Amino acid sequence: MSDVANTTLIASITGIVVSGVVGPSTTAWASRRAGRSQFLRDRAAERQDELRKPLDEAASVLGLAGSRLRQAWEADQAGRTDPELQPWSEQVFTIGQRLRLRLAVGHPIVVAYDVVRERLVEASKLLTQHEGEKYEDAIQAFEAAREHFLATSQQTLDAPITTKEQGK
């Protein structure tokens, strides 16, 4: 055989191997990688959507705090208890637990929620102790903590959806 025939034969065999084995293998690998990446993005988007519900609920419950504390104070002044206060205060605790199911303990949202809950507890204690001036300061501290929690939550929800694999 001549050198031209050998070169043609080698080129033909190489073409067959590349088109029949290497090409499909590379395509399959790229397809699997793209599918996994899409799955991870979809799952991250799902987790972000799942987080919206407890954050919305937290915003609603914390938004009622001033009214509920005022109702508790009025009930205390009248020598009675407010039946609506107990379920509301339980919701405040329960939301914190629900956030911990979805986020790590050190996540900024969890930390901000813990701070706002602590400020709420402080304000409610001062209210029942009839510490008027200290109570107003505690309410302001609660409202500042609530605003920080809401801003942190909004920032997290508005963040672009990323996966850990995208950094690789």
C-alpha atoms as a PDB file:
ATOM      1  CA  MET A   1       0.000   0.000   0.000  1.00  0.00           C
ATOM      2  CA  SER A   2       1.125   3.454  -0.638  1.00  0.00           C
ATOM      3  CA  ASP A   3       1.607   6.174   1.923  1.00  0.00           C
ATOM      4  CA  VAL A   4      -1.421   8.004   0.564  1.00  0.00           C
ATOM      5  CA  ALA A   5      -3.577   4.908   0.967  1.00  0.00           C
ATOM      6  CA  ASN A   6      -2.267   4.347   4.497  1.00  0.00           C
ATOM      7  CA  THR A   7      -2.957   7.968   5.418  1.00  0.00           C
ATOM      8  CA  THR A   8      -6.437   7.741   3.923  1.00  0.00           C
ATOM      9  CA  LEU A   9      -7.130   4.488   5.793  1.00  0.00           C
ATOM     10  CA  ILE A  10      -5.891   5.939   9.094  1.00  0.00           C
ATOM     11  CA  ALA A  11      -7.916   9.120   8.581  1.00  0.00           C
ATOM     12  CA  SER A  12     -11.019   7.059   7.762  1.00  0.00           C
ATOM     13  CA  ILE A  13     -10.635   4.824  10.810  1.00  0.00           C
ATOM     14  CA  THR A  14      -9.992   7.849  13.016  1.00  0.00           C
ATOM     15  CA  GLY A  15     -13.085   9.565  11.608  1.00  0.00           C
ATOM     16  CA  ILE A  16     -15.214   6.497  12.252  1.00  0.00           C
ATOM     17  CA  VAL A  17     -13.931   6.137  15.813  1.00  0.00           C
ATOM     18  CA  VAL A  18     -14.416   9.831  16.579  1.00  0.00           C
ATOM     19  CA  SER A  19     -17.880  10.030  15.047  1.00  0.00           C
ATOM     20  CA  GLY A  20     -19.026   6.651  16.383  1.00  0.00           C
ATOM     21  CA  VAL A  21     -17.496   6.587  19.880  1.00  0.00           C
ATOM     22  CA  VAL A  22     -15.845   9.789  21.044  1.00  0.00           C
ATOM     23  CA  GLY A  23     -18.472  12.182  19.665  1.00  0.00           C
ATOM     24  CA  PRO A  24     -21.489  10.478  21.239  1.00  0.00           C
ATOM     25  CA  SER A  25     -19.595   9.948  24.500  1.00  0.00           C
ATOM     26  CA  THR A  26     -18.677  13.625  24.669  1.00  0.00           C
ATOM     27  CA  THR A  27     -22.218  14.641  23.788  1.00  0.00           C
ATOM     28  CA  ALA A  28     -23.661  12.326  26.462  1.00  0.00           C
ATOM     29  CA  TRP A  29     -21.234  13.665  29.086  1.00  0.00           C
ATOM     30  CA  ALA A  30     -22.086  17.282  28.216  1.00  0.00           C
ATOM     31  CA  SER A  31     -25.795  16.489  28.261  1.00  0.00           C
ATOM     32  CA  ARG A  32     -25.575  14.832  31.707  1.00  0.00           C
ATOM     33  CA  ARG A  33     -23.610  17.770  33.074  1.00  0.00           C
ATOM     34  CA  ALA A  34     -26.132  20.288  31.703  1.00  0.00           C
ATOM     35  CA  GLY A  35     -29.022  18.229  33.078  1.00  0.00           C
ATOM     36  CA  ARG A  36     -27.442  18.074  36.533  1.00  0.00           C
ATOM     37  CA  SER A  37     -26.745  21.800  36.493  1.00  0.00           C
ATOM     38  CA  GLN A  38     -30.371  22.526  35.518  1.00  0.00           C
ATOM     39  CA  PHE A  39     -31.615  20.182  38.253  1.00  0.00           C
ATOM     40  CA  LEU A  40     -29.500  21.985  40.858  1.00  0.00           C
ATOM     41  CA  ARG A  41     -30.751  25.400  39.683  1.00  0.00           C
ATOM     42  CA  ASP A  42     -34.358  24.194  39.771  1.00  0.00           C
ATOM     43  CA  ARG A  43     -33.887  22.762  43.278  1.00  0.00           C
ATOM     44  CA  ALA A  44     -32.296  26.013  44.505  1.00  0.00           C
ATOM     45  CA  ALA A  45     -35.254  27.955  43.050  1.00  0.00           C
ATOM     46  CA  GLU A  46     -37.670  25.584  44.819  1.00  0.00           C
ATOM     47  CA  ARG A  47     -35.912  26.098  48.150  1.00  0.00           C
ATOM     48  CA  GLN A  48     -36.075  29.865  47.683  1.00  0.00           C
ATOM     49  CA  ASP A  49     -39.810  29.644  46.923  1.00  0.00           C
ATOM     50  CA  GLU A  50     -40.350  27.401  49.971  1.00  0.00           C
ATOM     51  CA  LEU A  51     -38.645  30.052  52.094  1.00  0.00           C
ATOM     52  CA  ARG A  52     -41.106  32.737  50.981  1.00  0.00           C
ATOM     53  CA  LYS A  53     -44.032  31.244  52.892  1.00  0.00           C
ATOM     54  CA  PRO A  54     -42.514  31.330  56.408  1.00  0.00           C
ATOM     55  CA  LEU A  55     -40.945  34.722  55.678  1.00  0.00           C
ATOM     56  CA  ASP A  56     -44.319  36.136  54.607  1.00  0.00           C
ATOM     57  CA  GLU A  57     -45.887  34.656  57.715  1.00  0.00           C
ATOM     58  CA  ALA A  58     -43.105  36.113  59.882  1.00  0.00           C
ATOM     59  CA  ALA A  59     -43.672  39.548  58.389  1.00  0.00           C
ATOM     60  CA  SER A  60     -47.404  39.294  59.140  1.00  0.00           C
ATOM     61  CA  VAL A  61     -46.948  38.050  62.689  1.00  0.00           C
ATOM     62  CA  LEU A  62     -44.249  40.591  63.514  1.00  0.00           C
ATOM     63  CA  GLY A  63     -46.318  43.343  61.933  1.00  0.00           C
ATOM     64  CA  LEU A  64     -49.025  42.676  64.527  1.00  0.00           C
ATOM     65  CA  ALA A  65     -46.606  42.890  67.452  1.00  0.00           C
ATOM     66  CA  GLY A  66     -47.347  46.497  68.431  1.00  0.00           C
ATOM     67  CA  SER A  67     -51.096  45.922  68.362  1.00  0.00           C
ATOM     68  CA  ARG A  68     -50.868  42.640  70.246  1.00  0.00           C
ATOM     69  CA  LEU A  69     -48.661  44.124  72.959  1.00  0.00           C
ATOM     70  CA  ARG A  70     -51.050  47.060  73.331  1.00  0.00           C
ATOM     71  CA  GLN A  71     -53.976  44.598  73.630  1.00  0.00           C
ATOM     72  CA  ALA A  72     -52.052  42.641  76.256  1.00  0.00           C
ATOM     73  CA  TRP A  73     -51.358  45.818  78.214  1.00  0.00           C
ATOM     74  CA  GLU A  74     -55.023  46.885  78.059  1.00  0.00           C
ATOM     75  CA  ALA A  75     -56.120  43.430  79.163  1.00  0.00           C
ATOM     76  CA  ASP A  76     -53.593  43.489  82.013  1.00  0.00           C
ATOM     77  CA  GLN A  77     -54.861  46.931  83.096  1.00  0.00           C
ATOM     78  CA  ALA A  78     -58.421  45.608  83.107  1.00  0.00           C
ATOM     79  CA  GLY A  79     -57.368  42.534  85.118  1.00  0.00           C
ATOM     80  CA  ARG A  80     -58.154  40.015  82.397  1.00  0.00           C
ATOM     81  CA  THR A  81     -56.230  38.004  79.821  1.00  0.00           C
ATOM     82  CA  ASP A  82     -56.420  38.414  76.064  1.00  0.00           C
ATOM     83  CA  PRO A  83     -57.408  35.088  74.437  1.00  0.00           C
ATOM     84  CA  GLU A  84     -55.856  36.119  71.111  1.00  0.00           C
ATOM     85  CA  LEU A  85     -52.413  36.741  72.616  1.00  0.00           C
ATOM     86  CA  GLN A  86     -51.465  33.114  73.337  1.00  0.00           C
ATOM     87  CA  PRO A  87     -51.877  31.749  69.776  1.00  0.00           C
ATOM     88  CA  TRP A  88     -50.092  34.817  68.387  1.00  0.00           C
ATOM     89  CA  SER A  89     -47.108  34.430  70.722  1.00  0.00           C
ATOM     90  CA  GLU A  90     -46.927  30.730  69.852  1.00  0.00           C
ATOM     91  CA  GLN A  91     -46.770  31.679  66.166  1.00  0.00           C
ATOM     92  CA  VAL A  92     -43.756  33.894  66.855  1.00  0.00           C
ATOM     93  CA  PHE A  93     -41.884  30.896  68.283  1.00  0.00           C
ATOM     94  CA  THR A  94     -43.126  28.427  65.664  1.00  0.00           C
ATOM     95  CA  ILE A  95     -42.009  30.579  62.739  1.00  0.00           C
ATOM     96  CA  GLY A  96     -38.487  30.624  64.149  1.00  0.00           C
ATOM     97  CA  GLN A  97     -38.510  26.831  64.188  1.00  0.00           C
ATOM     98  CA  ARG A  98     -39.803  26.658  60.624  1.00  0.00           C
ATOM     99  CA  LEU A  99     -37.016  28.973  59.471  1.00  0.00           C
ATOM    100  CA  ARG A 100     -34.479  26.678  61.144  1.00  0.00           C
ATOM    101  CA  LEU A 101     -35.841  23.752  59.133  1.00  0.00           C
ATOM    102  CA  ARG A 102     -34.987  25.550  55.909  1.00  0.00           C
ATOM    103  CA  LEU A 103     -31.864  27.500  56.873  1.00  0.00           C
ATOM    104  CA  ALA A 104     -28.715  26.888  58.890  1.00  0.00           C
ATOM    105  CA  VAL A 105     -28.641  28.206  62.454  1.00  0.00           C
ATOM    106  CA  GLY A 106     -26.025  30.819  61.526  1.00  0.00           C
ATOM    107  CA  HIS A 107     -27.876  32.036  58.406  1.00  0.00           C
ATOM    108  CA  PRO A 108     -28.418  35.834  58.506  1.00  0.00           C
ATOM    109  CA  ILE A 109     -32.206  35.409  58.369  1.00  0.00           C
ATOM    110  CA  VAL A 110     -32.251  33.035  61.350  1.00  0.00           C
ATOM    111  CA  VAL A 111     -29.917  35.295  63.327  1.00  0.00           C
ATOM    112  CA  ALA A 112     -32.022  38.384  62.512  1.00  0.00           C
ATOM    113  CA  TYR A 113     -35.228  36.550  63.478  1.00  0.00           C
ATOM    114  CA  ASP A 114     -33.723  35.454  66.805  1.00  0.00           C
ATOM    115  CA  VAL A 115     -32.781  39.056  67.569  1.00  0.00           C
ATOM    116  CA  VAL A 116     -36.236  40.401  66.696  1.00  0.00           C
ATOM    117  CA  ARG A 117     -37.890  37.690  68.818  1.00  0.00           C
ATOM    118  CA  GLU A 118     -35.609  38.543  71.771  1.00  0.00           C
ATOM    119  CA  ARG A 119     -36.485  42.241  71.450  1.00  0.00           C
ATOM    120  CA  LEU A 120     -40.175  41.326  71.389  1.00  0.00           C
ATOM    121  CA  VAL A 121     -39.821  39.239  74.547  1.00  0.00           C
ATOM    122  CA  GLU A 122     -37.981  42.111  76.265  1.00  0.00           C
ATOM    123  CA  ALA A 123     -40.719  44.564  75.304  1.00  0.00           C
ATOM    124  CA  SER A 124     -43.469  42.252  76.534  1.00  0.00           C
ATOM    125  CA  LYS A 125     -41.695  41.751  79.894  1.00  0.00           C
ATOM    126  CA  LEU A 126     -41.319  45.499  80.373  1.00  0.00           C
ATOM    127  CA  LEU A 127     -44.955  45.980  79.460  1.00  0.00           C
ATOM    128  CA  THR A 128     -46.149  43.596  82.151  1.00  0.00           C
ATOM    129  CA  GLN A 129     -43.790  45.203  84.665  1.00  0.00           C
ATOM    130  CA  HIS A 130     -45.340  48.593  83.878  1.00  0.00           C
ATOM    131  CA  GLU A 131     -41.984  50.138  82.908  1.00  0.00           C
ATOM    132  CA  GLY A 132     -43.365  52.817  80.569  1.00  0.00           C
ATOM    133  CA  GLU A 133     -40.200  54.636  79.497  1.00  0.00           C
ATOM    134  CA  LYS A 134     -38.119  51.477  79.214  1.00  0.00           C
ATOM    135  CA  TYR A 135     -40.978  49.854  77.312  1.00  0.00           C
ATOM    136  CA  GLU A 136     -40.930  52.590  74.658  1.00  0.00           C
ATOM    137  CA  ASP A 137     -37.178  52.073  74.206  1.00  0.00           C
ATOM    138  CA  ALA A 138     -37.736  48.313  73.959  1.00  0.00           C
ATOM    139  CA  ILE A 139     -40.419  48.832  71.320  1.00  0.00           C
ATOM    140  CA  GLN A 140     -38.052  50.996  69.290  1.00  0.00           C
ATOM    141  CA  ALA A 141     -35.350  48.316  69.590  1.00  0.00           C
ATOM    142  CA  PHE A 142     -37.889  45.709  68.473  1.00  0.00           C
ATOM    143  CA  GLU A 143     -38.957  47.796  65.479  1.00  0.00           C
ATOM    144  CA  ALA A 144     -35.324  48.337  64.427  1.00  0.00           C
ATOM    145  CA  ALA A 145     -34.653  44.598  64.716  1.00  0.00           C
ATOM    146  CA  ARG A 146     -37.830  43.859  62.747  1.00  0.00           C
ATOM    147  CA  GLU A 147     -36.754  46.219  59.961  1.00  0.00           C
ATOM    148  CA  HIS A 148     -33.339  44.526  59.854  1.00  0.00           C
ATOM    149  CA  PHE A 149     -34.998  41.094  59.665  1.00  0.00           C
ATOM    150  CA  LEU A 150     -37.275  42.221  56.834  1.00  0.00           C
ATOM    151  CA  ALA A 151     -34.385  43.796  54.923  1.00  0.00           C
ATOM    152  CA  THR A 152     -32.258  40.665  55.345  1.00  0.00           C
ATOM    153  CA  SER A 153     -35.156  38.489  54.192  1.00  0.00           C
ATOM    154  CA  GLN A 154     -35.830  40.673  51.166  1.00  0.00           C
ATOM    155  CA  GLN A 155     -32.149  40.660  50.218  1.00  0.00           C
ATOM    156  CA  THR A 156     -32.071  36.854  50.389  1.00  0.00           C
ATOM    157  CA  LEU A 157     -35.236  36.469  48.321  1.00  0.00           C
ATOM    158  CA  ASP A 158     -33.998  38.941  45.705  1.00  0.00           C
ATOM    159  CA  ALA A 159     -30.569  37.313  45.378  1.00  0.00           C
ATOM    160  CA  PRO A 160     -29.907  35.520  42.089  1.00  0.00           C
ATOM    161  CA  ILE A 161     -30.433  31.789  42.237  1.00  0.00           C
ATOM    162  CA  THR A 162     -27.090  30.028  42.307  1.00  0.00           C
ATOM    163  CA  THR A 163     -25.889  26.517  42.884  1.00  0.00           C
ATOM    164  CA  LYS A 164     -22.689  25.374  44.499  1.00  0.00           C
ATOM    165  CA  GLU A 165     -21.670  23.734  41.226  1.00  0.00           C
ATOM    166  CA  GLN A 166     -21.671  27.088  39.395  1.00  0.00           C
ATOM    167  CA  GLY A 167     -18.603  28.198  41.340  1.00  0.00           C
ATOM    168  CA  LYS A 168     -16.571  25.262  39.976  1.00  0.00           C
END
